[in-house]
């Protein structure tokens, strides 16, 4: 792995500063939010379930590339999403997602630098965001759930905030032609049992979206990362 990739995997607390937060606000809470409101008639339910501290990991289901900015737009804290390391090979995209707070992850193995970065995020005013499915799913189904997110919750002693996303898969460009619904569930308390945490997340997402969980024939215990 090159030095550049290592830098995007390993973060310091100073990088989660007011400037990245300001950039994230401008891009997501202002820029993307106009699109979500004007084109997709965004509805958000369950904001009262979001903890006041940052002792939680944001874990939505995954339908579209719109999902990360959507989460940043609707949640009260800045969110640092995991992103597959290959995205940081693309010059402009690397700069863009870097400034939006994302950090690189090798999907084949969860290295010490990733765990360290996750702990740094917890110690900051930001929260960690990741997709337990790893890659975009099919509307109506919940597939490809990776247990790694529950393992990170155990390591960091964080709760899991389940978020159900509906409608981001429908590409719309004209005003009021789309519909996005975000349902935020009650936090899943910290647990030493990743299997139980994973089961509770699946149950919550099924309830929040109405989608059906379909187990994989070959379960994957790797960590879930943004895979666009």
C-alpha atoms as a PDB file:
ATOM      1  CA  UNK A   1       0.000   0.000   0.000  1.00  0.00           C
ATOM      2  CA  UNK A   2       1.306   3.426  -0.905  1.00  0.00           C
ATOM      3  CA  UNK A   3       2.060   6.162   1.578  1.00  0.00           C
ATOM      4  CA  UNK A   4      -0.871   8.197   0.235  1.00  0.00           C
ATOM      5  CA  UNK A   5      -3.348   5.397   0.840  1.00  0.00           C
ATOM      6  CA  UNK A   6      -2.019   4.897   4.349  1.00  0.00           C
ATOM      7  CA  UNK A   7      -2.594   8.567   5.094  1.00  0.00           C
ATOM      8  CA  UNK A   8      -6.218   8.330   4.009  1.00  0.00           C
ATOM      9  CA  UNK A   9      -6.712   5.274   6.205  1.00  0.00           C
ATOM     10  CA  UNK A  10      -5.158   6.775   9.296  1.00  0.00           C
ATOM     11  CA  UNK A  11      -6.689   9.944  10.688  1.00  0.00           C
ATOM     12  CA  UNK A  12      -5.778  12.257  13.532  1.00  0.00           C
ATOM     13  CA  UNK A  13      -8.169  14.106  15.803  1.00  0.00           C
ATOM     14  CA  UNK A  14      -7.000  17.436  14.352  1.00  0.00           C
ATOM     15  CA  UNK A  15      -8.418  16.452  10.957  1.00  0.00           C
ATOM     16  CA  UNK A  16     -11.950  16.325  12.326  1.00  0.00           C
ATOM     17  CA  UNK A  17     -11.961  20.060  12.833  1.00  0.00           C
ATOM     18  CA  UNK A  18     -14.297  23.010  12.273  1.00  0.00           C
ATOM     19  CA  UNK A  19     -13.137  23.463   8.665  1.00  0.00           C
ATOM     20  CA  UNK A  20     -14.110  19.959   7.593  1.00  0.00           C
ATOM     21  CA  UNK A  21     -17.298  20.366   9.576  1.00  0.00           C
ATOM     22  CA  UNK A  22     -18.039  23.655   7.815  1.00  0.00           C
ATOM     23  CA  UNK A  23     -17.368  22.089   4.400  1.00  0.00           C
ATOM     24  CA  UNK A  24     -19.639  19.156   5.233  1.00  0.00           C
ATOM     25  CA  UNK A  25     -22.406  21.534   6.345  1.00  0.00           C
ATOM     26  CA  UNK A  26     -22.203  23.629   3.169  1.00  0.00           C
ATOM     27  CA  UNK A  27     -22.198  20.619   0.848  1.00  0.00           C
ATOM     28  CA  UNK A  28     -24.732  18.414   2.631  1.00  0.00           C
ATOM     29  CA  UNK A  29     -26.924  20.409   5.010  1.00  0.00           C
ATOM     30  CA  UNK A  30     -27.294  23.209   2.454  1.00  0.00           C
ATOM     31  CA  UNK A  31     -26.493  21.936  -1.058  1.00  0.00           C
ATOM     32  CA  UNK A  32     -27.830  18.389  -0.900  1.00  0.00           C
ATOM     33  CA  UNK A  33     -30.692  19.354   1.400  1.00  0.00           C
ATOM     34  CA  UNK A  34     -32.114  21.678  -1.266  1.00  0.00           C
ATOM     35  CA  UNK A  35     -32.231  18.716  -3.646  1.00  0.00           C
ATOM     36  CA  UNK A  36     -33.692  16.391  -1.025  1.00  0.00           C
ATOM     37  CA  UNK A  37     -36.439  18.851  -0.147  1.00  0.00           C
ATOM     38  CA  UNK A  38     -37.201  20.194  -3.615  1.00  0.00           C
ATOM     39  CA  UNK A  39     -36.904  17.045  -5.709  1.00  0.00           C
ATOM     40  CA  UNK A  40     -37.419  14.191  -3.261  1.00  0.00           C
ATOM     41  CA  UNK A  41     -39.890  15.704  -0.778  1.00  0.00           C
ATOM     42  CA  UNK A  42     -37.760  14.386   2.089  1.00  0.00           C
ATOM     43  CA  UNK A  43     -39.500  13.161   5.241  1.00  0.00           C
ATOM     44  CA  UNK A  44     -37.549  12.420   8.413  1.00  0.00           C
ATOM     45  CA  UNK A  45     -39.054  10.565  11.351  1.00  0.00           C
ATOM     46  CA  UNK A  46     -37.528   9.614  14.700  1.00  0.00           C
ATOM     47  CA  UNK A  47     -35.029  12.411  15.281  1.00  0.00           C
ATOM     48  CA  UNK A  48     -35.941  12.185  18.942  1.00  0.00           C
ATOM     49  CA  UNK A  49     -34.195   8.783  18.976  1.00  0.00           C
ATOM     50  CA  UNK A  50     -30.780  10.283  18.169  1.00  0.00           C
ATOM     51  CA  UNK A  51     -28.608  10.311  21.345  1.00  0.00           C
ATOM     52  CA  UNK A  52     -27.412  13.701  22.548  1.00  0.00           C
ATOM     53  CA  UNK A  53     -23.821  12.455  22.893  1.00  0.00           C
ATOM     54  CA  UNK A  54     -21.724  10.828  20.164  1.00  0.00           C
ATOM     55  CA  UNK A  55     -21.482   7.392  21.770  1.00  0.00           C
ATOM     56  CA  UNK A  56     -23.091   5.688  18.780  1.00  0.00           C
ATOM     57  CA  UNK A  57     -22.398   4.485  15.234  1.00  0.00           C
ATOM     58  CA  UNK A  58     -24.792   5.486  12.447  1.00  0.00           C
ATOM     59  CA  UNK A  59     -25.808   2.325  10.564  1.00  0.00           C
ATOM     60  CA  UNK A  60     -28.337   2.775   7.738  1.00  0.00           C
ATOM     61  CA  UNK A  61     -29.443   0.357   5.068  1.00  0.00           C
ATOM     62  CA  UNK A  62     -27.903   1.169   1.694  1.00  0.00           C
ATOM     63  CA  UNK A  63     -29.644   1.899  -1.614  1.00  0.00           C
ATOM     64  CA  UNK A  64     -27.779   4.690  -3.369  1.00  0.00           C
ATOM     65  CA  UNK A  65     -24.783   7.036  -3.546  1.00  0.00           C
ATOM     66  CA  UNK A  66     -27.159   9.616  -2.045  1.00  0.00           C
ATOM     67  CA  UNK A  67     -27.207   7.768   1.278  1.00  0.00           C
ATOM     68  CA  UNK A  68     -24.027   9.232   2.873  1.00  0.00           C
ATOM     69  CA  UNK A  69     -24.885  12.915   2.179  1.00  0.00           C
ATOM     70  CA  UNK A  70     -28.465  12.171   3.207  1.00  0.00           C
ATOM     71  CA  UNK A  71     -27.331  10.975   6.629  1.00  0.00           C
ATOM     72  CA  UNK A  72     -25.086  14.003   7.067  1.00  0.00           C
ATOM     73  CA  UNK A  73     -27.973  16.272   6.033  1.00  0.00           C
ATOM     74  CA  UNK A  74     -30.518  14.979   8.541  1.00  0.00           C
ATOM     75  CA  UNK A  75     -28.431  14.101  11.610  1.00  0.00           C
ATOM     76  CA  UNK A  76     -27.407  16.725  14.167  1.00  0.00           C
ATOM     77  CA  UNK A  77     -23.708  15.740  14.318  1.00  0.00           C
ATOM     78  CA  UNK A  78     -21.056  15.560  11.641  1.00  0.00           C
ATOM     79  CA  UNK A  79     -20.659  12.027  10.303  1.00  0.00           C
ATOM     80  CA  UNK A  80     -17.384  10.428   9.170  1.00  0.00           C
ATOM     81  CA  UNK A  81     -18.145   7.605   6.753  1.00  0.00           C
ATOM     82  CA  UNK A  82     -15.902   4.715   5.890  1.00  0.00           C
ATOM     83  CA  UNK A  83     -15.126   4.501   2.152  1.00  0.00           C
ATOM     84  CA  UNK A  84     -13.427   1.739   0.209  1.00  0.00           C
ATOM     85  CA  UNK A  85      -9.794   2.596  -0.424  1.00  0.00           C
ATOM     86  CA  UNK A  86     -10.170   2.388  -4.222  1.00  0.00           C
ATOM     87  CA  UNK A  87     -12.197   5.614  -4.172  1.00  0.00           C
ATOM     88  CA  UNK A  88      -9.089   7.458  -2.987  1.00  0.00           C
ATOM     89  CA  UNK A  89      -7.298   6.510  -6.225  1.00  0.00           C
ATOM     90  CA  UNK A  90      -9.492   8.991  -8.153  1.00  0.00           C
ATOM     91  CA  UNK A  91      -7.909  12.479  -7.798  1.00  0.00           C
ATOM     92  CA  UNK A  92     -10.934  14.803  -7.560  1.00  0.00           C
ATOM     93  CA  UNK A  93     -13.125  12.274  -5.762  1.00  0.00           C
ATOM     94  CA  UNK A  94     -10.285  11.660  -3.288  1.00  0.00           C
ATOM     95  CA  UNK A  95     -10.164  15.365  -2.423  1.00  0.00           C
ATOM     96  CA  UNK A  96     -13.964  15.622  -2.254  1.00  0.00           C
ATOM     97  CA  UNK A  97     -14.651  12.702   0.083  1.00  0.00           C
ATOM     98  CA  UNK A  98     -11.567  13.491   2.138  1.00  0.00           C
ATOM     99  CA  UNK A  99     -12.906  16.962   2.904  1.00  0.00           C
ATOM    100  CA  UNK A 100     -16.319  15.491   3.618  1.00  0.00           C
ATOM    101  CA  UNK A 101     -14.671  13.498   6.421  1.00  0.00           C
ATOM    102  CA  UNK A 102     -14.505  10.037   4.846  1.00  0.00           C
ATOM    103  CA  UNK A 103     -11.521   7.767   5.459  1.00  0.00           C
ATOM    104  CA  UNK A 104     -10.195   4.800   3.480  1.00  0.00           C
ATOM    105  CA  UNK A 105     -10.790   1.197   4.466  1.00  0.00           C
ATOM    106  CA  UNK A 106      -9.420  -1.999   2.984  1.00  0.00           C
ATOM    107  CA  UNK A 107     -12.452  -4.243   2.648  1.00  0.00           C
ATOM    108  CA  UNK A 108     -10.269  -7.353   2.695  1.00  0.00           C
ATOM    109  CA  UNK A 109      -8.930  -6.714   6.179  1.00  0.00           C
ATOM    110  CA  UNK A 110      -9.656  -4.366   9.052  1.00  0.00           C
ATOM    111  CA  UNK A 111      -6.244  -2.921   9.895  1.00  0.00           C
ATOM    112  CA  UNK A 112      -5.078  -1.344  13.173  1.00  0.00           C
ATOM    113  CA  UNK A 113      -5.127   2.117  11.583  1.00  0.00           C
ATOM    114  CA  UNK A 114      -8.849   1.767  10.889  1.00  0.00           C
ATOM    115  CA  UNK A 115      -9.604   0.806  14.478  1.00  0.00           C
ATOM    116  CA  UNK A 116      -7.476   3.704  15.695  1.00  0.00           C
ATOM    117  CA  UNK A 117      -9.307   6.139  13.417  1.00  0.00           C
ATOM    118  CA  UNK A 118     -12.670   4.859  14.639  1.00  0.00           C
ATOM    119  CA  UNK A 119     -11.595   5.503  18.229  1.00  0.00           C
ATOM    120  CA  UNK A 120     -10.343   8.983  17.280  1.00  0.00           C
ATOM    121  CA  UNK A 121     -13.726   9.804  15.764  1.00  0.00           C
ATOM    122  CA  UNK A 122     -15.441   8.712  18.958  1.00  0.00           C
ATOM    123  CA  UNK A 123     -13.190  11.032  20.953  1.00  0.00           C
ATOM    124  CA  UNK A 124     -14.086  13.943  18.671  1.00  0.00           C
ATOM    125  CA  UNK A 125     -17.467  15.633  18.290  1.00  0.00           C
ATOM    126  CA  UNK A 126     -18.163  13.601  15.142  1.00  0.00           C
ATOM    127  CA  UNK A 127     -19.831  10.188  14.851  1.00  0.00           C
ATOM    128  CA  UNK A 128     -18.846   7.202  12.743  1.00  0.00           C
ATOM    129  CA  UNK A 129     -21.096   6.168   9.876  1.00  0.00           C
ATOM    130  CA  UNK A 130     -20.990   2.882   7.979  1.00  0.00           C
ATOM    131  CA  UNK A 131     -23.246   0.610   5.966  1.00  0.00           C
ATOM    132  CA  UNK A 132     -23.565  -2.903   7.417  1.00  0.00           C
ATOM    133  CA  UNK A 133     -24.591  -4.128   3.956  1.00  0.00           C
ATOM    134  CA  UNK A 134     -21.300  -2.924   2.505  1.00  0.00           C
ATOM    135  CA  UNK A 135     -22.717  -2.327  -0.957  1.00  0.00           C
ATOM    136  CA  UNK A 136     -25.970  -1.003  -2.366  1.00  0.00           C
ATOM    137  CA  UNK A 137     -28.940  -3.290  -1.915  1.00  0.00           C
ATOM    138  CA  UNK A 138     -32.158  -3.949  -3.802  1.00  0.00           C
ATOM    139  CA  UNK A 139     -35.257  -2.031  -2.635  1.00  0.00           C
ATOM    140  CA  UNK A 140     -37.487  -4.333  -0.636  1.00  0.00           C
ATOM    141  CA  UNK A 141     -34.623  -6.582   0.434  1.00  0.00           C
ATOM    142  CA  UNK A 142     -31.884  -6.548   3.053  1.00  0.00           C
ATOM    143  CA  UNK A 143     -28.930  -8.631   1.854  1.00  0.00           C
ATOM    144  CA  UNK A 144     -25.191  -8.865   2.377  1.00  0.00           C
ATOM    145  CA  UNK A 145     -25.103  -7.773   6.009  1.00  0.00           C
ATOM    146  CA  UNK A 146     -21.526  -7.826   7.322  1.00  0.00           C
ATOM    147  CA  UNK A 147     -20.983  -8.477  11.013  1.00  0.00           C
ATOM    148  CA  UNK A 148     -17.946  -6.212  11.166  1.00  0.00           C
ATOM    149  CA  UNK A 149     -20.028  -3.184  12.174  1.00  0.00           C
ATOM    150  CA  UNK A 150     -21.118  -5.005  15.322  1.00  0.00           C
ATOM    151  CA  UNK A 151     -17.492  -5.842  16.075  1.00  0.00           C
ATOM    152  CA  UNK A 152     -16.539  -2.163  15.832  1.00  0.00           C
ATOM    153  CA  UNK A 153     -19.381  -1.288  18.179  1.00  0.00           C
ATOM    154  CA  UNK A 154     -17.988  -3.806  20.656  1.00  0.00           C
ATOM    155  CA  UNK A 155     -14.434  -2.431  20.348  1.00  0.00           C
ATOM    156  CA  UNK A 156     -15.536   1.176  20.845  1.00  0.00           C
ATOM    157  CA  UNK A 157     -18.301   0.389  23.349  1.00  0.00           C
ATOM    158  CA  UNK A 158     -20.748   2.320  21.170  1.00  0.00           C
ATOM    159  CA  UNK A 159     -24.455   1.872  20.605  1.00  0.00           C
ATOM    160  CA  UNK A 160     -25.786   1.331  17.084  1.00  0.00           C
ATOM    161  CA  UNK A 161     -28.237   3.849  15.627  1.00  0.00           C
ATOM    162  CA  UNK A 162     -30.339   1.991  13.019  1.00  0.00           C
ATOM    163  CA  UNK A 163     -31.635   4.168  10.195  1.00  0.00           C
ATOM    164  CA  UNK A 164     -34.104   3.005   7.560  1.00  0.00           C
ATOM    165  CA  UNK A 165     -33.788   4.680   4.161  1.00  0.00           C
ATOM    166  CA  UNK A 166     -36.504   4.405   1.517  1.00  0.00           C
ATOM    167  CA  UNK A 167     -36.497   5.967  -1.956  1.00  0.00           C
ATOM    168  CA  UNK A 168     -32.904   7.080  -2.641  1.00  0.00           C
ATOM    169  CA  UNK A 169     -32.575   4.455  -5.388  1.00  0.00           C
ATOM    170  CA  UNK A 170     -35.071   6.327  -7.574  1.00  0.00           C
ATOM    171  CA  UNK A 171     -33.167   8.858  -9.674  1.00  0.00           C
ATOM    172  CA  UNK A 172     -35.286  12.003 -10.014  1.00  0.00           C
ATOM    173  CA  UNK A 173     -34.410  15.421 -11.411  1.00  0.00           C
ATOM    174  CA  UNK A 174     -37.664  17.339 -11.624  1.00  0.00           C
ATOM    175  CA  UNK A 175     -39.126  19.094  -8.554  1.00  0.00           C
ATOM    176  CA  UNK A 176     -41.410  17.008  -6.345  1.00  0.00           C
ATOM    177  CA  UNK A 177     -41.103  13.878  -8.501  1.00  0.00           C
ATOM    178  CA  UNK A 178     -39.310  11.734  -5.921  1.00  0.00           C
ATOM    179  CA  UNK A 179     -39.926  10.619  -2.379  1.00  0.00           C
ATOM    180  CA  UNK A 180     -37.345   9.841   0.293  1.00  0.00           C
ATOM    181  CA  UNK A 181     -38.314   8.674   3.772  1.00  0.00           C
ATOM    182  CA  UNK A 182     -35.796   8.391   6.596  1.00  0.00           C
ATOM    183  CA  UNK A 183     -36.908   6.486   9.696  1.00  0.00           C
ATOM    184  CA  UNK A 184     -34.530   6.672  12.646  1.00  0.00           C
ATOM    185  CA  UNK A 185     -34.931   3.851  15.133  1.00  0.00           C
ATOM    186  CA  UNK A 186     -34.150   3.562  18.797  1.00  0.00           C
ATOM    187  CA  UNK A 187     -30.448   3.001  19.553  1.00  0.00           C
ATOM    188  CA  UNK A 188     -29.311  -0.580  19.989  1.00  0.00           C
ATOM    189  CA  UNK A 189     -27.358  -0.589  23.274  1.00  0.00           C
ATOM    190  CA  UNK A 190     -23.698  -1.562  23.425  1.00  0.00           C
ATOM    191  CA  UNK A 191     -23.229  -5.311  23.701  1.00  0.00           C
ATOM    192  CA  UNK A 192     -20.337  -7.756  23.980  1.00  0.00           C
ATOM    193  CA  UNK A 193     -22.204 -10.068  21.587  1.00  0.00           C
ATOM    194  CA  UNK A 194     -21.772  -8.980  17.933  1.00  0.00           C
ATOM    195  CA  UNK A 195     -24.154 -11.688  16.705  1.00  0.00           C
ATOM    196  CA  UNK A 196     -26.945 -10.335  18.878  1.00  0.00           C
ATOM    197  CA  UNK A 197     -26.166  -6.750  17.821  1.00  0.00           C
ATOM    198  CA  UNK A 198     -26.332  -7.773  14.173  1.00  0.00           C
ATOM    199  CA  UNK A 199     -29.665  -9.538  14.705  1.00  0.00           C
ATOM    200  CA  UNK A 200     -31.143  -6.508  16.455  1.00  0.00           C
ATOM    201  CA  UNK A 201     -29.980  -4.224  13.624  1.00  0.00           C
ATOM    202  CA  UNK A 202     -31.595  -6.476  11.024  1.00  0.00           C
ATOM    203  CA  UNK A 203     -34.847  -6.583  13.001  1.00  0.00           C
ATOM    204  CA  UNK A 204     -34.823  -2.790  13.359  1.00  0.00           C
ATOM    205  CA  UNK A 205     -34.154  -2.134   9.664  1.00  0.00           C
ATOM    206  CA  UNK A 206     -36.921  -4.536   8.658  1.00  0.00           C
ATOM    207  CA  UNK A 207     -39.320  -2.623  10.895  1.00  0.00           C
ATOM    208  CA  UNK A 208     -38.097   0.818   9.757  1.00  0.00           C
ATOM    209  CA  UNK A 209     -38.195   0.082   6.021  1.00  0.00           C
ATOM    210  CA  UNK A 210     -40.667  -2.749   5.539  1.00  0.00           C
ATOM    211  CA  UNK A 211     -37.897  -4.574   3.633  1.00  0.00           C
ATOM    212  CA  UNK A 212     -37.326  -8.297   4.109  1.00  0.00           C
ATOM    213  CA  UNK A 213     -34.033  -9.741   5.339  1.00  0.00           C
ATOM    214  CA  UNK A 214     -32.627 -12.457   3.076  1.00  0.00           C
ATOM    215  CA  UNK A 215     -29.654 -14.376   4.542  1.00  0.00           C
ATOM    216  CA  UNK A 216     -26.637 -14.935   2.303  1.00  0.00           C
ATOM    217  CA  UNK A 217     -25.603 -18.413   1.266  1.00  0.00           C
ATOM    218  CA  UNK A 218     -22.002 -17.466   2.079  1.00  0.00           C
ATOM    219  CA  UNK A 219     -22.042 -15.136   5.074  1.00  0.00           C
ATOM    220  CA  UNK A 220     -19.306 -12.489   5.135  1.00  0.00           C
ATOM    221  CA  UNK A 221     -17.913 -11.209   8.394  1.00  0.00           C
ATOM    222  CA  UNK A 222     -15.993  -8.347   6.800  1.00  0.00           C
ATOM    223  CA  UNK A 223     -16.708  -4.804   7.787  1.00  0.00           C
ATOM    224  CA  UNK A 224     -19.341  -2.779   5.932  1.00  0.00           C
ATOM    225  CA  UNK A 225     -18.010   0.192   3.954  1.00  0.00           C
ATOM    226  CA  UNK A 226     -19.294   2.635   1.398  1.00  0.00           C
ATOM    227  CA  UNK A 227     -18.988   0.835  -1.933  1.00  0.00           C
ATOM    228  CA  UNK A 228     -19.824   3.275  -4.698  1.00  0.00           C
END
